[in-house]
């Protein structure tokens, strides 16, 4: 298996869709600590990341909308593998996803098993 470049989650400010390491330490110094949501597409080795001041259900829904817009409308299902962050599982998130992004399907990993998520390799 080819080992590609990694993304350092704590140094990104803004959005990107890239398979290369994102280094925006300058943005981090200006804006302070940022929270990152990321989605890895293993079919083309690309990662979509976006930073927010807070990591809440509202920001997660915004991120899901961004991911949804990245894909052709004829793709019927987009599966996202997630850890058990409370922002991923809230009632508000479930309700909003079914309304705004019905083709996005959330798949939750067992607790304390980040090694099962392909994106975790790219964070380190």
N, C-alpha and C. Protein backbone atom coordinates (compact mmCIF):
# COMPACT_ATOMS: atom_id res chain seq x y z
N UNK A 1 0.83 -1.18 0.00
CA UNK A 1 0.00 0.00 0.00
C UNK A 1 0.87 1.24 0.00
N UNK A 2 0.54 2.19 -0.83
CA UNK A 2 1.30 3.43 -0.95
C UNK A 2 1.03 4.32 0.24
N UNK A 3 2.10 4.82 0.85
CA UNK A 3 1.93 5.75 1.96
C UNK A 3 2.01 7.16 1.41
N UNK A 4 0.92 7.89 1.57
CA UNK A 4 0.85 9.25 1.05
C UNK A 4 1.20 10.26 2.12
N UNK A 5 1.20 11.53 1.74
CA UNK A 5 1.48 12.59 2.70
C UNK A 5 0.38 12.68 3.74
N UNK A 6 0.72 13.24 4.87
CA UNK A 6 -0.26 13.33 5.94
C UNK A 6 -0.72 14.77 6.12
N UNK A 7 -1.82 14.93 6.84
CA UNK A 7 -2.31 16.25 7.18
C UNK A 7 -2.13 16.43 8.68
N UNK A 8 -1.59 17.55 9.06
CA UNK A 8 -1.47 17.87 10.46
C UNK A 8 -2.69 18.68 10.84
N UNK A 9 -3.60 18.09 11.59
CA UNK A 9 -4.90 18.68 11.85
C UNK A 9 -4.81 20.01 12.57
N UNK A 10 -3.89 20.16 13.51
CA UNK A 10 -3.89 21.35 14.34
C UNK A 10 -3.34 22.59 13.64
N UNK A 11 -2.79 22.46 12.44
CA UNK A 11 -2.19 23.62 11.80
C UNK A 11 -2.97 24.14 10.61
N UNK A 12 -4.20 23.72 10.45
CA UNK A 12 -4.96 24.16 9.28
C UNK A 12 -5.97 25.23 9.64
N UNK A 13 -6.08 26.25 8.83
CA UNK A 13 -7.09 27.28 9.01
C UNK A 13 -7.83 27.48 7.71
N UNK A 14 -9.10 27.17 7.64
CA UNK A 14 -9.88 27.33 6.42
C UNK A 14 -10.29 26.01 5.85
N UNK A 15 -10.48 25.95 4.53
CA UNK A 15 -10.93 24.74 3.84
C UNK A 15 -9.89 24.28 2.85
N UNK A 16 -9.88 23.00 2.58
CA UNK A 16 -9.06 22.51 1.48
C UNK A 16 -9.60 21.16 1.04
N UNK A 17 -9.23 20.76 -0.14
CA UNK A 17 -9.54 19.43 -0.66
C UNK A 17 -8.24 18.99 -1.29
N UNK A 18 -7.45 18.22 -0.54
CA UNK A 18 -6.08 17.97 -0.96
C UNK A 18 -5.54 16.68 -0.39
N UNK A 19 -4.56 16.09 -1.06
CA UNK A 19 -3.89 14.92 -0.52
C UNK A 19 -2.50 15.28 0.00
N UNK A 20 -2.17 16.56 0.01
CA UNK A 20 -0.87 16.99 0.52
C UNK A 20 -1.01 17.56 1.91
N UNK A 21 0.10 17.58 2.63
CA UNK A 21 0.07 18.09 4.00
C UNK A 21 -0.27 19.58 3.99
N UNK A 22 -1.17 19.95 4.86
CA UNK A 22 -1.60 21.34 4.95
C UNK A 22 -0.82 22.01 6.08
N UNK A 23 -0.12 23.08 5.74
CA UNK A 23 0.65 23.80 6.77
C UNK A 23 0.27 25.27 6.71
N UNK A 24 -0.49 25.69 7.67
CA UNK A 24 -0.86 27.10 7.74
C UNK A 24 -0.65 27.56 9.17
N UNK A 25 0.56 27.44 9.64
CA UNK A 25 0.87 27.81 11.01
C UNK A 25 0.62 29.29 11.24
N UNK A 26 0.79 30.09 10.19
CA UNK A 26 0.54 31.52 10.29
C UNK A 26 -0.92 31.77 10.67
N UNK A 27 -1.86 31.04 10.03
CA UNK A 27 -3.28 31.19 10.35
C UNK A 27 -3.56 30.81 11.78
N UNK A 28 -2.87 29.78 12.27
CA UNK A 28 -3.06 29.35 13.65
C UNK A 28 -2.61 30.45 14.61
N UNK A 29 -1.51 31.11 14.31
CA UNK A 29 -1.01 32.17 15.18
C UNK A 29 -1.98 33.34 15.22
N UNK A 30 -2.58 33.64 14.07
CA UNK A 30 -3.51 34.77 13.99
C UNK A 30 -4.82 34.44 14.69
N UNK A 31 -5.38 33.27 14.43
CA UNK A 31 -6.71 32.93 14.90
C UNK A 31 -6.72 32.12 16.19
N UNK A 32 -5.61 31.62 16.64
CA UNK A 32 -5.58 30.78 17.83
C UNK A 32 -5.94 29.35 17.49
N UNK A 33 -6.30 28.58 18.50
CA UNK A 33 -6.61 27.17 18.32
C UNK A 33 -7.90 26.99 17.53
N UNK A 34 -7.86 26.12 16.53
CA UNK A 34 -9.03 25.84 15.70
C UNK A 34 -9.36 24.35 15.78
N UNK A 35 -10.63 24.01 15.62
CA UNK A 35 -11.09 22.62 15.59
C UNK A 35 -11.28 22.20 14.14
N UNK A 36 -10.92 20.96 13.84
CA UNK A 36 -10.94 20.47 12.47
C UNK A 36 -11.94 19.33 12.32
N UNK A 37 -12.77 19.42 11.29
CA UNK A 37 -13.54 18.27 10.82
C UNK A 37 -12.89 17.85 9.51
N UNK A 38 -12.77 16.55 9.29
CA UNK A 38 -12.14 16.07 8.06
C UNK A 38 -12.83 14.86 7.51
N UNK A 39 -12.80 14.74 6.18
CA UNK A 39 -13.35 13.57 5.50
C UNK A 39 -12.31 13.08 4.49
N UNK A 40 -12.01 11.81 4.53
CA UNK A 40 -11.03 11.21 3.63
C UNK A 40 -11.75 10.35 2.61
N UNK A 41 -11.48 10.60 1.33
CA UNK A 41 -12.07 9.81 0.25
C UNK A 41 -11.00 8.83 -0.23
N UNK A 42 -11.13 7.58 0.16
CA UNK A 42 -10.11 6.58 -0.18
C UNK A 42 -10.12 6.24 -1.66
N UNK A 43 -11.17 6.57 -2.40
CA UNK A 43 -11.23 6.24 -3.83
C UNK A 43 -10.26 7.08 -4.65
N UNK A 44 -9.93 8.27 -4.15
CA UNK A 44 -9.00 9.12 -4.90
C UNK A 44 -7.90 9.72 -4.01
N UNK A 45 -7.78 9.22 -2.77
CA UNK A 45 -6.76 9.65 -1.82
C UNK A 45 -6.80 11.17 -1.59
N UNK A 46 -8.01 11.71 -1.46
CA UNK A 46 -8.17 13.14 -1.19
C UNK A 46 -8.83 13.32 0.17
N UNK A 47 -8.51 14.44 0.79
CA UNK A 47 -9.08 14.74 2.09
C UNK A 47 -9.71 16.13 2.04
N UNK A 48 -10.89 16.25 2.62
CA UNK A 48 -11.55 17.54 2.76
C UNK A 48 -11.50 17.90 4.23
N UNK A 49 -10.98 19.07 4.54
CA UNK A 49 -10.92 19.51 5.93
C UNK A 49 -11.45 20.93 6.02
N UNK A 50 -12.06 21.23 7.14
CA UNK A 50 -12.52 22.59 7.39
C UNK A 50 -12.40 22.86 8.89
N UNK A 51 -11.99 24.07 9.24
CA UNK A 51 -11.79 24.43 10.64
C UNK A 51 -12.90 25.33 11.15
N UNK A 52 -13.16 25.17 12.43
CA UNK A 52 -14.19 25.95 13.12
C UNK A 52 -13.65 26.37 14.48
N UNK A 53 -14.18 27.43 15.01
CA UNK A 53 -13.81 27.87 16.37
C UNK A 53 -14.28 26.85 17.40
N UNK A 54 -15.46 26.28 17.19
CA UNK A 54 -16.03 25.30 18.12
C UNK A 54 -16.30 24.00 17.37
N UNK A 55 -16.41 22.94 18.11
CA UNK A 55 -16.72 21.63 17.51
C UNK A 55 -18.09 21.22 18.04
N UNK A 56 -19.14 21.73 17.37
CA UNK A 56 -20.51 21.48 17.81
C UNK A 56 -21.30 20.81 16.69
N UNK A 57 -22.51 20.38 17.00
CA UNK A 57 -23.37 19.78 16.00
C UNK A 57 -23.65 20.73 14.84
N UNK A 58 -23.83 22.00 15.14
CA UNK A 58 -24.11 23.00 14.09
C UNK A 58 -22.94 23.07 13.10
N UNK A 59 -21.72 23.11 13.62
CA UNK A 59 -20.55 23.15 12.74
C UNK A 59 -20.39 21.83 11.98
N UNK A 60 -20.71 20.72 12.63
CA UNK A 60 -20.62 19.43 11.95
C UNK A 60 -21.60 19.34 10.78
N UNK A 61 -22.82 19.84 10.97
CA UNK A 61 -23.80 19.86 9.87
C UNK A 61 -23.29 20.74 8.74
N UNK A 62 -22.70 21.88 9.07
CA UNK A 62 -22.12 22.74 8.04
C UNK A 62 -21.05 21.99 7.26
N UNK A 63 -20.20 21.26 7.98
CA UNK A 63 -19.16 20.48 7.33
C UNK A 63 -19.77 19.41 6.40
N UNK A 64 -20.81 18.72 6.87
CA UNK A 64 -21.46 17.69 6.04
C UNK A 64 -22.04 18.29 4.76
N UNK A 65 -22.59 19.47 4.85
CA UNK A 65 -23.11 20.15 3.66
C UNK A 65 -21.98 20.43 2.68
N UNK A 66 -20.82 20.83 3.20
CA UNK A 66 -19.65 21.08 2.35
C UNK A 66 -19.20 19.79 1.65
N UNK A 67 -19.17 18.70 2.39
CA UNK A 67 -18.79 17.41 1.80
C UNK A 67 -19.80 17.01 0.73
N UNK A 68 -21.08 17.14 1.05
CA UNK A 68 -22.14 16.77 0.11
C UNK A 68 -22.01 17.52 -1.21
N UNK A 69 -21.67 18.80 -1.15
CA UNK A 69 -21.53 19.61 -2.37
C UNK A 69 -20.34 19.17 -3.23
N UNK A 70 -19.38 18.47 -2.65
CA UNK A 70 -18.19 18.03 -3.38
C UNK A 70 -18.47 16.92 -4.38
N UNK A 71 -19.58 16.23 -4.20
CA UNK A 71 -19.84 15.04 -5.00
C UNK A 71 -21.00 15.23 -5.97
N UNK A 72 -20.84 14.61 -7.14
CA UNK A 72 -21.86 14.62 -8.19
C UNK A 72 -23.22 14.21 -7.63
N UNK A 73 -24.26 14.80 -8.14
CA UNK A 73 -25.61 14.49 -7.66
C UNK A 73 -26.04 13.06 -7.99
N UNK A 74 -25.40 12.42 -8.99
CA UNK A 74 -25.79 11.05 -9.32
C UNK A 74 -25.17 10.01 -8.39
N UNK A 75 -24.30 10.43 -7.47
CA UNK A 75 -23.81 9.51 -6.43
C UNK A 75 -24.90 9.43 -5.38
N UNK A 76 -25.41 8.22 -5.16
CA UNK A 76 -26.58 8.06 -4.30
C UNK A 76 -26.27 8.01 -2.82
N UNK A 77 -25.13 7.46 -2.44
CA UNK A 77 -24.78 7.32 -1.02
C UNK A 77 -23.35 7.78 -0.77
N UNK A 78 -23.18 8.53 0.29
CA UNK A 78 -21.86 8.93 0.76
C UNK A 78 -21.76 8.42 2.20
N UNK A 79 -20.85 7.50 2.43
CA UNK A 79 -20.70 6.91 3.77
C UNK A 79 -19.56 7.62 4.49
N UNK A 80 -19.84 8.10 5.69
CA UNK A 80 -18.83 8.72 6.51
C UNK A 80 -18.61 7.87 7.75
N UNK A 81 -17.36 7.49 7.98
CA UNK A 81 -16.99 6.70 9.16
C UNK A 81 -16.58 7.70 10.24
N UNK A 82 -17.21 7.58 11.41
CA UNK A 82 -17.02 8.58 12.46
C UNK A 82 -16.65 7.95 13.79
N UNK A 83 -15.96 8.75 14.60
CA UNK A 83 -15.76 8.34 15.99
C UNK A 83 -17.02 8.72 16.76
N UNK A 84 -16.98 8.65 18.05
CA UNK A 84 -18.18 8.85 18.85
C UNK A 84 -18.25 10.22 19.52
N UNK A 85 -17.73 11.23 18.86
CA UNK A 85 -17.83 12.60 19.35
C UNK A 85 -19.30 12.95 19.50
N UNK A 86 -19.65 13.59 20.60
CA UNK A 86 -21.07 13.90 20.84
C UNK A 86 -21.65 14.77 19.73
N UNK A 87 -20.85 15.64 19.12
CA UNK A 87 -21.35 16.47 18.01
C UNK A 87 -21.76 15.64 16.81
N UNK A 88 -21.21 14.45 16.66
CA UNK A 88 -21.59 13.58 15.54
C UNK A 88 -22.92 12.89 15.77
N UNK A 89 -23.35 12.76 17.02
CA UNK A 89 -24.48 11.90 17.36
C UNK A 89 -25.72 12.61 17.87
N UNK A 90 -25.71 13.91 17.95
CA UNK A 90 -26.82 14.62 18.57
C UNK A 90 -28.11 14.48 17.76
N UNK A 91 -29.24 14.65 18.43
CA UNK A 91 -30.55 14.58 17.75
C UNK A 91 -30.65 15.65 16.68
N UNK A 92 -30.12 16.84 16.96
CA UNK A 92 -30.15 17.93 15.98
C UNK A 92 -29.41 17.52 14.71
N UNK A 93 -28.23 16.91 14.87
CA UNK A 93 -27.44 16.48 13.71
C UNK A 93 -28.22 15.45 12.90
N UNK A 94 -28.77 14.45 13.55
CA UNK A 94 -29.53 13.41 12.85
C UNK A 94 -30.70 13.99 12.08
N UNK A 95 -31.42 14.93 12.70
CA UNK A 95 -32.55 15.56 12.03
C UNK A 95 -32.14 16.42 10.85
N UNK A 96 -31.09 17.20 11.03
CA UNK A 96 -30.62 18.08 9.95
C UNK A 96 -30.08 17.29 8.77
N UNK A 97 -29.34 16.22 9.04
CA UNK A 97 -28.77 15.41 7.96
C UNK A 97 -29.88 14.81 7.11
N UNK A 98 -30.91 14.30 7.75
CA UNK A 98 -31.99 13.68 6.98
C UNK A 98 -32.69 14.70 6.09
N UNK A 99 -32.70 15.98 6.50
CA UNK A 99 -33.33 17.03 5.68
C UNK A 99 -32.40 17.57 4.60
N UNK A 100 -31.17 17.92 4.97
CA UNK A 100 -30.29 18.63 4.03
C UNK A 100 -29.36 17.72 3.23
N UNK A 101 -29.00 16.57 3.78
CA UNK A 101 -28.02 15.69 3.13
C UNK A 101 -28.46 14.24 3.24
N UNK A 102 -29.59 13.87 2.67
CA UNK A 102 -30.10 12.51 2.87
C UNK A 102 -29.21 11.40 2.30
N UNK A 103 -28.33 11.73 1.38
CA UNK A 103 -27.47 10.67 0.83
C UNK A 103 -26.25 10.39 1.71
N UNK A 104 -26.01 11.24 2.72
CA UNK A 104 -24.91 11.00 3.65
C UNK A 104 -25.37 10.01 4.71
N UNK A 105 -24.61 8.94 4.83
CA UNK A 105 -24.88 7.89 5.81
C UNK A 105 -23.75 7.88 6.83
N UNK A 106 -24.10 7.97 8.11
CA UNK A 106 -23.11 7.98 9.17
C UNK A 106 -22.88 6.57 9.69
N UNK A 107 -21.61 6.16 9.75
CA UNK A 107 -21.22 4.84 10.25
C UNK A 107 -20.32 5.09 11.44
N UNK A 108 -20.73 4.63 12.62
CA UNK A 108 -19.97 4.89 13.84
C UNK A 108 -19.05 3.72 14.19
N UNK A 109 -17.82 4.06 14.53
CA UNK A 109 -16.83 3.07 14.95
C UNK A 109 -17.11 2.63 16.39
N UNK A 110 -16.63 1.46 16.76
CA UNK A 110 -16.70 1.09 18.17
C UNK A 110 -15.89 2.10 19.00
N UNK A 111 -16.25 2.28 20.24
CA UNK A 111 -15.55 3.21 21.14
C UNK A 111 -14.08 2.80 21.25
N UNK A 112 -13.20 3.78 21.29
CA UNK A 112 -11.75 3.60 21.42
C UNK A 112 -11.14 2.69 20.35
N UNK A 113 -11.49 2.95 19.10
CA UNK A 113 -10.91 2.15 18.01
C UNK A 113 -10.53 3.03 16.82
N UNK A 114 -9.74 4.08 17.04
CA UNK A 114 -9.39 4.98 15.94
C UNK A 114 -8.61 4.29 14.83
N UNK A 115 -7.94 3.18 15.15
CA UNK A 115 -7.15 2.48 14.12
C UNK A 115 -8.03 1.93 12.99
N UNK A 116 -9.34 1.85 13.22
CA UNK A 116 -10.25 1.36 12.18
C UNK A 116 -10.67 2.46 11.20
N UNK A 117 -10.35 3.70 11.51
CA UNK A 117 -10.75 4.82 10.67
C UNK A 117 -9.57 5.24 9.79
N UNK A 118 -9.76 5.19 8.48
CA UNK A 118 -8.68 5.50 7.52
C UNK A 118 -8.16 6.93 7.66
N UNK A 119 -8.98 7.85 8.13
CA UNK A 119 -8.52 9.25 8.24
C UNK A 119 -7.51 9.41 9.36
N UNK A 120 -7.56 8.57 10.38
CA UNK A 120 -6.64 8.70 11.51
C UNK A 120 -5.18 8.58 11.09
N UNK A 121 -4.90 7.76 10.11
CA UNK A 121 -3.54 7.62 9.60
C UNK A 121 -3.05 8.94 9.02
N UNK A 122 -3.93 9.67 8.38
CA UNK A 122 -3.55 10.94 7.76
C UNK A 122 -3.41 12.06 8.78
N UNK A 123 -4.03 11.96 9.93
CA UNK A 123 -3.88 13.00 10.95
C UNK A 123 -2.51 12.97 11.59
N UNK A 124 -1.87 11.81 11.65
CA UNK A 124 -0.61 11.71 12.38
C UNK A 124 0.61 12.03 11.54
